[in-house]
């Protein structure tokens, strides 16, 4: 008592097939499969975009650090040139 047995599942499956027909169930299964596939690809694209954004921000941060280092070196060399003159 209490659980659903294999025979109850078979009876439910037969009733569903009789109500909807195999062609509709096959189309429904295909639609469900393509919906799941689309969902997975959307999740994958979102993760890829997030990774690309992180890489871009890291690259920009590295470039800005390099640019600021170059600016400070240029400023130091100009200061040395004016001090020597």
PDB file of N, CA and C in Angstrom:
ATOM      1  N   UNK A   1       0.825  -1.197   0.000  1.00  0.00           N
ATOM      2  CA  UNK A   1       0.000   0.000   0.000  1.00  0.00           C
ATOM      3  C   UNK A   1       0.862   1.251   0.000  1.00  0.00           C
ATOM      4  N   UNK A   2       0.401   2.276  -0.654  1.00  0.00           N
ATOM      5  CA  UNK A   2       1.052   3.570  -0.586  1.00  0.00           C
ATOM      6  C   UNK A   2       1.890   3.912  -1.794  1.00  0.00           C
ATOM      7  N   UNK A   3       2.493   2.933  -2.455  1.00  0.00           N
ATOM      8  CA  UNK A   3       3.355   3.229  -3.599  1.00  0.00           C
ATOM      9  C   UNK A   3       2.627   2.977  -4.912  1.00  0.00           C
ATOM     10  N   UNK A   4       3.168   3.537  -5.978  1.00  0.00           N
ATOM     11  CA  UNK A   4       2.606   3.287  -7.302  1.00  0.00           C
ATOM     12  C   UNK A   4       3.388   2.132  -7.904  1.00  0.00           C
ATOM     13  N   UNK A   5       2.670   1.115  -8.287  1.00  0.00           N
ATOM     14  CA  UNK A   5       3.307  -0.068  -8.851  1.00  0.00           C
ATOM     15  C   UNK A   5       3.503   0.081 -10.351  1.00  0.00           C
ATOM     16  N   UNK A   6       4.172  -0.899 -10.920  1.00  0.00           N
ATOM     17  CA  UNK A   6       4.455  -0.885 -12.348  1.00  0.00           C
ATOM     18  C   UNK A   6       3.168  -0.994 -13.163  1.00  0.00           C
ATOM     19  N   UNK A   7       2.204  -1.754 -12.644  1.00  0.00           N
ATOM     20  CA  UNK A   7       0.956  -1.929 -13.395  1.00  0.00           C
ATOM     21  C   UNK A   7       0.148  -0.640 -13.441  1.00  0.00           C
ATOM     22  N   UNK A   8       0.175   0.130 -12.386  1.00  0.00           N
ATOM     23  CA  UNK A   8      -0.539   1.412 -12.421  1.00  0.00           C
ATOM     24  C   UNK A   8       0.092   2.354 -13.446  1.00  0.00           C
ATOM     25  N   UNK A   9       1.432   2.353 -13.521  1.00  0.00           N
ATOM     26  CA  UNK A   9       2.123   3.190 -14.503  1.00  0.00           C
ATOM     27  C   UNK A   9       1.799   2.744 -15.930  1.00  0.00           C
ATOM     28  N   UNK A  10       1.722   1.443 -16.162  1.00  0.00           N
ATOM     29  CA  UNK A  10       1.386   0.926 -17.490  1.00  0.00           C
ATOM     30  C   UNK A  10      -0.024   1.349 -17.876  1.00  0.00           C
ATOM     31  N   UNK A  11      -0.958   1.262 -16.947  1.00  0.00           N
ATOM     32  CA  UNK A  11      -2.346   1.654 -17.226  1.00  0.00           C
ATOM     33  C   UNK A  11      -2.427   3.142 -17.550  1.00  0.00           C
ATOM     34  N   UNK A  12      -1.716   3.968 -16.793  1.00  0.00           N
ATOM     35  CA  UNK A  12      -1.711   5.408 -17.056  1.00  0.00           C
ATOM     36  C   UNK A  12      -1.097   5.681 -18.428  1.00  0.00           C
ATOM     37  N   UNK A  13      -0.009   5.006 -18.783  1.00  0.00           N
ATOM     38  CA  UNK A  13       0.633   5.203 -20.083  1.00  0.00           C
ATOM     39  C   UNK A  13      -0.308   4.819 -21.218  1.00  0.00           C
ATOM     40  N   UNK A  14      -1.035   3.716 -21.079  1.00  0.00           N
ATOM     41  CA  UNK A  14      -1.985   3.284 -22.115  1.00  0.00           C
ATOM     42  C   UNK A  14      -3.092   4.315 -22.265  1.00  0.00           C
ATOM     43  N   UNK A  15      -3.597   4.840 -21.165  1.00  0.00           N
ATOM     44  CA  UNK A  15      -4.661   5.846 -21.226  1.00  0.00           C
ATOM     45  C   UNK A  15      -4.167   7.119 -21.915  1.00  0.00           C
ATOM     46  N   UNK A  16      -2.945   7.539 -21.602  1.00  0.00           N
ATOM     47  CA  UNK A  16      -2.380   8.738 -22.226  1.00  0.00           C
ATOM     48  C   UNK A  16      -2.214   8.526 -23.725  1.00  0.00           C
ATOM     49  N   UNK A  17      -1.737   7.356 -24.131  1.00  0.00           N
ATOM     50  CA  UNK A  17      -1.571   7.068 -25.560  1.00  0.00           C
ATOM     51  C   UNK A  17      -2.919   7.056 -26.256  1.00  0.00           C
ATOM     52  N   UNK A  18      -3.931   6.478 -25.622  1.00  0.00           N
ATOM     53  CA  UNK A  18      -5.262   6.444 -26.226  1.00  0.00           C
ATOM     54  C   UNK A  18      -5.860   7.849 -26.344  1.00  0.00           C
ATOM     55  N   UNK A  19      -5.631   8.693 -25.356  1.00  0.00           N
ATOM     56  CA  UNK A  19      -6.194  10.043 -25.392  1.00  0.00           C
ATOM     57  C   UNK A  19      -5.508  10.934 -26.431  1.00  0.00           C
ATOM     58  N   UNK A  20      -4.196  10.908 -26.474  1.00  0.00           N
ATOM     59  CA  UNK A  20      -3.463  11.847 -27.327  1.00  0.00           C
ATOM     60  C   UNK A  20      -2.990  11.245 -28.643  1.00  0.00           C
ATOM     61  N   UNK A  21      -2.790   9.978 -28.694  1.00  0.00           N
ATOM     62  CA  UNK A  21      -2.278   9.349 -29.905  1.00  0.00           C
ATOM     63  C   UNK A  21      -0.762   9.417 -29.945  1.00  0.00           C
ATOM     64  N   UNK A  22      -0.172   8.486 -30.670  1.00  0.00           N
ATOM     65  CA  UNK A  22       1.282   8.408 -30.692  1.00  0.00           C
ATOM     66  C   UNK A  22       1.911   9.571 -31.453  1.00  0.00           C
ATOM     67  N   UNK A  23       1.225  10.053 -32.505  1.00  0.00           N
ATOM     68  CA  UNK A  23       1.802  11.144 -33.294  1.00  0.00           C
ATOM     69  C   UNK A  23       1.911  12.416 -32.458  1.00  0.00           C
ATOM     70  N   UNK A  24       0.865  12.738 -31.727  1.00  0.00           N
ATOM     71  CA  UNK A  24       0.906  13.941 -30.874  1.00  0.00           C
ATOM     72  C   UNK A  24       1.942  13.797 -29.767  1.00  0.00           C
ATOM     73  N   UNK A  25       2.045  12.614 -29.187  1.00  0.00           N
ATOM     74  CA  UNK A  25       3.031  12.393 -28.134  1.00  0.00           C
ATOM     75  C   UNK A  25       4.449  12.501 -28.687  1.00  0.00           C
ATOM     76  N   UNK A  26       4.664  12.019 -29.903  1.00  0.00           N
ATOM     77  CA  UNK A  26       5.977  12.108 -30.526  1.00  0.00           C
ATOM     78  C   UNK A  26       6.325  13.582 -30.785  1.00  0.00           C
ATOM     79  N   UNK A  27       5.348  14.347 -31.289  1.00  0.00           N
ATOM     80  CA  UNK A  27       5.582  15.784 -31.508  1.00  0.00           C
ATOM     81  C   UNK A  27       5.837  16.513 -30.192  1.00  0.00           C
ATOM     82  N   UNK A  28       5.083  16.145 -29.182  1.00  0.00           N
ATOM     83  CA  UNK A  28       5.258  16.758 -27.867  1.00  0.00           C
ATOM     84  C   UNK A  28       6.646  16.446 -27.310  1.00  0.00           C
ATOM     85  N   UNK A  29       7.088  15.209 -27.480  1.00  0.00           N
ATOM     86  CA  UNK A  29       8.430  14.823 -27.032  1.00  0.00           C
ATOM     87  C   UNK A  29       9.511  15.584 -27.779  1.00  0.00           C
ATOM     88  N   UNK A  30       9.330  15.750 -29.093  1.00  0.00           N
ATOM     89  CA  UNK A  30      10.297  16.508 -29.888  1.00  0.00           C
ATOM     90  C   UNK A  30      10.344  17.971 -29.474  1.00  0.00           C
ATOM     91  N   UNK A  31       9.164  18.556 -29.242  1.00  0.00           N
ATOM     92  CA  UNK A  31       9.110  19.952 -28.799  1.00  0.00           C
ATOM     93  C   UNK A  31       9.772  20.116 -27.437  1.00  0.00           C
ATOM     94  N   UNK A  32       9.509  19.182 -26.553  1.00  0.00           N
ATOM     95  CA  UNK A  32      10.109  19.235 -25.225  1.00  0.00           C
ATOM     96  C   UNK A  32      11.632  19.085 -25.312  1.00  0.00           C
ATOM     97  N   UNK A  33      12.096  18.188 -26.163  1.00  0.00           N
ATOM     98  CA  UNK A  33      13.528  17.988 -26.341  1.00  0.00           C
ATOM     99  C   UNK A  33      14.212  19.222 -26.904  1.00  0.00           C
ATOM    100  N   UNK A  34      13.610  19.871 -27.903  1.00  0.00           N
ATOM    101  CA  UNK A  34      14.224  21.074 -28.469  1.00  0.00           C
ATOM    102  C   UNK A  34      14.171  22.234 -27.487  1.00  0.00           C
ATOM    103  N   UNK A  35      13.148  22.285 -26.650  1.00  0.00           N
ATOM    104  CA  UNK A  35      13.087  23.335 -25.630  1.00  0.00           C
ATOM    105  C   UNK A  35      14.214  23.157 -24.606  1.00  0.00           C
ATOM    106  N   UNK A  36      14.456  21.924 -24.200  1.00  0.00           N
ATOM    107  CA  UNK A  36      15.538  21.643 -23.251  1.00  0.00           C
ATOM    108  C   UNK A  36      16.888  21.954 -23.888  1.00  0.00           C
ATOM    109  N   UNK A  37      17.056  21.595 -25.163  1.00  0.00           N
ATOM    110  CA  UNK A  37      18.306  21.862 -25.868  1.00  0.00           C
ATOM    111  C   UNK A  37      18.537  23.375 -25.988  1.00  0.00           C
ATOM    112  N   UNK A  38      17.481  24.127 -26.303  1.00  0.00           N
ATOM    113  CA  UNK A  38      17.599  25.581 -26.387  1.00  0.00           C
ATOM    114  C   UNK A  38      17.945  26.199 -25.044  1.00  0.00           C
ATOM    115  N   UNK A  39      17.355  25.671 -23.989  1.00  0.00           N
ATOM    116  CA  UNK A  39      17.649  26.167 -22.648  1.00  0.00           C
ATOM    117  C   UNK A  39      19.102  25.922 -22.283  1.00  0.00           C
ATOM    118  N   UNK A  40      19.600  24.726 -22.574  1.00  0.00           N
ATOM    119  CA  UNK A  40      21.001  24.407 -22.274  1.00  0.00           C
ATOM    120  C   UNK A  40      21.950  25.288 -23.070  1.00  0.00           C
ATOM    121  N   UNK A  41      21.646  25.525 -24.337  1.00  0.00           N
ATOM    122  CA  UNK A  41      22.537  26.366 -25.141  1.00  0.00           C
ATOM    123  C   UNK A  41      22.496  27.816 -24.656  1.00  0.00           C
ATOM    124  N   UNK A  42      21.335  28.283 -24.204  1.00  0.00           N
ATOM    125  CA  UNK A  42      21.242  29.647 -23.672  1.00  0.00           C
ATOM    126  C   UNK A  42      22.069  29.782 -22.395  1.00  0.00           C
ATOM    127  N   UNK A  43      22.021  28.774 -21.550  1.00  0.00           N
ATOM    128  CA  UNK A  43      22.823  28.782 -20.324  1.00  0.00           C
ATOM    129  C   UNK A  43      24.308  28.775 -20.681  1.00  0.00           C
ATOM    130  N   UNK A  44      24.691  27.953 -21.661  1.00  0.00           N
ATOM    131  CA  UNK A  44      26.081  27.883 -22.090  1.00  0.00           C
ATOM    132  C   UNK A  44      26.558  29.206 -22.672  1.00  0.00           C
ATOM    133  N   UNK A  45      25.700  29.875 -23.468  1.00  0.00           N
ATOM    134  CA  UNK A  45      26.061  31.173 -24.044  1.00  0.00           C
ATOM    135  C   UNK A  45      26.225  32.216 -22.952  1.00  0.00           C
ATOM    136  N   UNK A  46      25.351  32.159 -21.954  1.00  0.00           N
ATOM    137  CA  UNK A  46      25.439  33.123 -20.853  1.00  0.00           C
ATOM    138  C   UNK A  46      26.754  32.959 -20.095  1.00  0.00           C
ATOM    139  N   UNK A  47      27.133  31.717 -19.834  1.00  0.00           N
ATOM    140  CA  UNK A  47      28.407  31.463 -19.143  1.00  0.00           C
ATOM    141  C   UNK A  47      29.573  31.931 -20.003  1.00  0.00           C
ATOM    142  N   UNK A  48      29.485  31.687 -21.322  1.00  0.00           N
ATOM    143  CA  UNK A  48      30.557  32.101 -22.225  1.00  0.00           C
ATOM    144  C   UNK A  48      30.685  33.627 -22.256  1.00  0.00           C
ATOM    145  N   UNK A  49      29.547  34.324 -22.295  1.00  0.00           N
ATOM    146  CA  UNK A  49      29.580  35.785 -22.285  1.00  0.00           C
ATOM    147  C   UNK A  49      30.157  36.309 -20.978  1.00  0.00           C
ATOM    148  N   UNK A  50      29.817  35.663 -19.885  1.00  0.00           N
ATOM    149  CA  UNK A  50      30.344  36.074 -18.585  1.00  0.00           C
ATOM    150  C   UNK A  50      31.859  35.894 -18.547  1.00  0.00           C
ATOM    151  N   UNK A  51      32.348  34.753 -19.056  1.00  0.00           N
ATOM    152  CA  UNK A  51      33.789  34.503 -19.099  1.00  0.00           C
ATOM    153  C   UNK A  51      34.489  35.513 -19.995  1.00  0.00           C
ATOM    154  N   UNK A  52      33.877  35.827 -21.150  1.00  0.00           N
ATOM    155  CA  UNK A  52      34.468  36.812 -22.044  1.00  0.00           C
ATOM    156  C   UNK A  52      34.514  38.181 -21.388  1.00  0.00           C
ATOM    157  N   UNK A  53      33.467  38.537 -20.658  1.00  0.00           N
ATOM    158  CA  UNK A  53      33.435  39.828 -19.974  1.00  0.00           C
ATOM    159  C   UNK A  53      34.515  39.897 -18.908  1.00  0.00           C
ATOM    160  N   UNK A  54      34.716  38.794 -18.185  1.00  0.00           N
ATOM    161  CA  UNK A  54      35.768  38.762 -17.161  1.00  0.00           C
ATOM    162  C   UNK A  54      37.141  38.885 -17.802  1.00  0.00           C
ATOM    163  N   UNK A  55      37.361  38.189 -18.929  1.00  0.00           N
ATOM    164  CA  UNK A  55      38.643  38.282 -19.621  1.00  0.00           C
ATOM    165  C   UNK A  55      38.880  39.701 -20.117  1.00  0.00           C
ATOM    166  N   UNK A  56      37.819  40.327 -20.654  1.00  0.00           N
ATOM    167  CA  UNK A  56      37.940  41.687 -21.162  1.00  0.00           C
ATOM    168  C   UNK A  56      38.254  42.655 -20.041  1.00  0.00           C
ATOM    169  N   UNK A  57      37.575  42.503 -18.911  1.00  0.00           N
ATOM    170  CA  UNK A  57      37.840  43.405 -17.791  1.00  0.00           C
ATOM    171  C   UNK A  57      39.254  43.203 -17.248  1.00  0.00           C
ATOM    172  N   UNK A  58      39.718  41.952 -17.225  1.00  0.00           N
ATOM    173  CA  UNK A  58      41.097  41.688 -16.790  1.00  0.00           C
ATOM    174  C   UNK A  58      42.094  42.325 -17.750  1.00  0.00           C
ATOM    175  N   UNK A  59      41.823  42.208 -19.037  1.00  0.00           N
ATOM    176  CA  UNK A  59      42.705  42.794 -20.048  1.00  0.00           C
ATOM    177  C   UNK A  59      42.717  44.307 -19.917  1.00  0.00           C
ATOM    178  N   UNK A  60      41.534  44.901 -19.719  1.00  0.00           N
ATOM    179  CA  UNK A  60      41.461  46.352 -19.562  1.00  0.00           C
ATOM    180  C   UNK A  60      42.200  46.802 -18.308  1.00  0.00           C
ATOM    181  N   UNK A  61      42.066  46.037 -17.243  1.00  0.00           N
ATOM    182  CA  UNK A  61      42.756  46.379 -15.999  1.00  0.00           C
ATOM    183  C   UNK A  61      44.271  46.293 -16.198  1.00  0.00           C
ATOM    184  N   UNK A  62      44.719  45.251 -16.894  1.00  0.00           N
ATOM    185  CA  UNK A  62      46.156  45.115 -17.172  1.00  0.00           C
ATOM    186  C   UNK A  62      46.645  46.263 -18.045  1.00  0.00           C
ATOM    187  N   UNK A  63      45.841  46.615 -19.057  1.00  0.00           N
ATOM    188  CA  UNK A  63      46.231  47.711 -19.949  1.00  0.00           C
ATOM    189  C   UNK A  63      46.275  49.041 -19.215  1.00  0.00           C
ATOM    190  N   UNK A  64      45.322  49.271 -18.331  1.00  0.00           N
ATOM    191  CA  UNK A  64      45.316  50.541 -17.598  1.00  0.00           C
ATOM    192  C   UNK A  64      46.492  50.607 -16.627  1.00  0.00           C
ATOM    193  N   UNK A  65      46.832  49.468 -16.030  1.00  0.00           N
ATOM    194  CA  UNK A  65      47.992  49.429 -15.132  1.00  0.00           C
ATOM    195  C   UNK A  65      49.264  49.704 -15.927  1.00  0.00           C
ATOM    196  N   UNK A  66      49.391  49.093 -17.073  1.00  0.00           N
ATOM    197  CA  UNK A  66      50.560  49.305 -17.926  1.00  0.00           C
ATOM    198  C   UNK A  66      50.618  50.754 -18.391  1.00  0.00           C
ATOM    199  N   UNK A  67      49.474  51.310 -18.764  1.00  0.00           N
ATOM    200  CA  UNK A  67      49.435  52.696 -19.226  1.00  0.00           C
ATOM    201  C   UNK A  67      49.820  53.651 -18.104  1.00  0.00           C
ATOM    202  N   UNK A  68      49.334  53.402 -16.892  1.00  0.00           N
ATOM    203  CA  UNK A  68      49.684  54.286 -15.779  1.00  0.00           C
ATOM    204  C   UNK A  68      51.164  54.165 -15.433  1.00  0.00           C
ATOM    205  N   UNK A  69      51.735  52.957 -15.552  1.00  0.00           N
ATOM    206  CA  UNK A  69      53.163  52.782 -15.315  1.00  0.00           C
ATOM    207  C   UNK A  69      53.974  53.540 -16.366  1.00  0.00           C
ATOM    208  N   UNK A  70      53.531  53.459 -17.601  1.00  0.00           N
ATOM    209  CA  UNK A  70      54.217  54.182 -18.671  1.00  0.00           C
ATOM    210  C   UNK A  70      54.130  55.689 -18.467  1.00  0.00           C
ATOM    211  N   UNK A  71      52.973  56.162 -18.016  1.00  0.00           N
ATOM    212  CA  UNK A  71      52.793  57.595 -17.755  1.00  0.00           C
ATOM    213  C   UNK A  71      53.716  58.049 -16.640  1.00  0.00           C
ATOM    214  N   UNK A  72      53.824  57.250 -15.585  1.00  0.00           N
ATOM    215  CA  UNK A  72      54.685  57.643 -14.463  1.00  0.00           C
ATOM    216  C   UNK A  72      56.150  57.632 -14.886  1.00  0.00           C
ATOM    217  N   UNK A  73      56.541  56.665 -15.730  1.00  0.00           N
ATOM    218  CA  UNK A  73      57.917  56.630 -16.227  1.00  0.00           C
ATOM    219  C   UNK A  73      58.208  57.851 -17.087  1.00  0.00           C
ATOM    220  N   UNK A  74      57.235  58.220 -17.934  1.00  0.00           N
ATOM    221  CA  UNK A  74      57.403  59.390 -18.797  1.00  0.00           C
ATOM    222  C   UNK A  74      57.520  60.652 -17.957  1.00  0.00           C
ATOM    223  N   UNK A  75      56.687  60.763 -16.941  1.00  0.00           N
ATOM    224  CA  UNK A  75      56.719  61.924 -16.063  1.00  0.00           C
ATOM    225  C   UNK A  75      58.048  61.996 -15.321  1.00  0.00           C
ATOM    226  N   UNK A  76      58.534  60.845 -14.853  1.00  0.00           N
ATOM    227  CA  UNK A  76      59.812  60.817 -14.150  1.00  0.00           C
ATOM    228  C   UNK A  76      60.955  61.231 -15.075  1.00  0.00           C
ATOM    229  N   UNK A  77      60.932  60.753 -16.304  1.00  0.00           N
ATOM    230  CA  UNK A  77      62.014  61.101 -17.231  1.00  0.00           C
ATOM    231  C   UNK A  77      61.951  62.583 -17.589  1.00  0.00           C
ATOM    232  N   UNK A  78      60.754  63.151 -17.720  1.00  0.00           N
ATOM    233  CA  UNK A  78      60.633  64.581 -18.002  1.00  0.00           C
ATOM    234  C   UNK A  78      61.127  65.403 -16.812  1.00  0.00           C
ATOM    235  N   UNK A  79      60.823  64.917 -15.609  1.00  0.00           N
ATOM    236  CA  UNK A  79      61.275  65.609 -14.406  1.00  0.00           C
ATOM    237  C   UNK A  79      62.801  65.577 -14.333  1.00  0.00           C
ATOM    238  N   UNK A  80      63.415  64.462 -14.646  1.00  0.00           N
ATOM    239  CA  UNK A  80      64.865  64.342 -14.635  1.00  0.00           C
ATOM    240  C   UNK A  80      65.477  65.268 -15.690  1.00  0.00           C
ATOM    241  N   UNK A  81      64.845  65.337 -16.881  1.00  0.00           N
ATOM    242  CA  UNK A  81      65.349  66.197 -17.939  1.00  0.00           C
ATOM    243  C   UNK A  81      65.297  67.662 -17.516  1.00  0.00           C
ATOM    244  N   UNK A  82      64.230  68.084 -16.879  1.00  0.00           N
ATOM    245  CA  UNK A  82      64.116  69.486 -16.439  1.00  0.00           C
ATOM    246  C   UNK A  82      65.072  69.780 -15.291  1.00  0.00           C
ATOM    247  N   UNK A  83      65.297  68.795 -14.431  1.00  0.00           N
ATOM    248  CA  UNK A  83      66.237  68.996 -13.335  1.00  0.00           C
ATOM    249  C   UNK A  83      67.662  69.134 -13.848  1.00  0.00           C
ATOM    250  N   UNK A  84      67.988  68.398 -14.906  1.00  0.00           N
ATOM    251  CA  UNK A  84      69.338  68.454 -15.452  1.00  0.00           C
ATOM    252  C   UNK A  84      69.571  69.740 -16.233  1.00  0.00           C
ATOM    253  N   UNK A  85      68.531  70.322 -16.766  1.00  0.00           N
ATOM    254  CA  UNK A  85      68.687  71.528 -17.582  1.00  0.00           C
ATOM    255  C   UNK A  85      68.866  72.719 -16.736  1.00  0.00           C
TER     256      UNK A  85
END
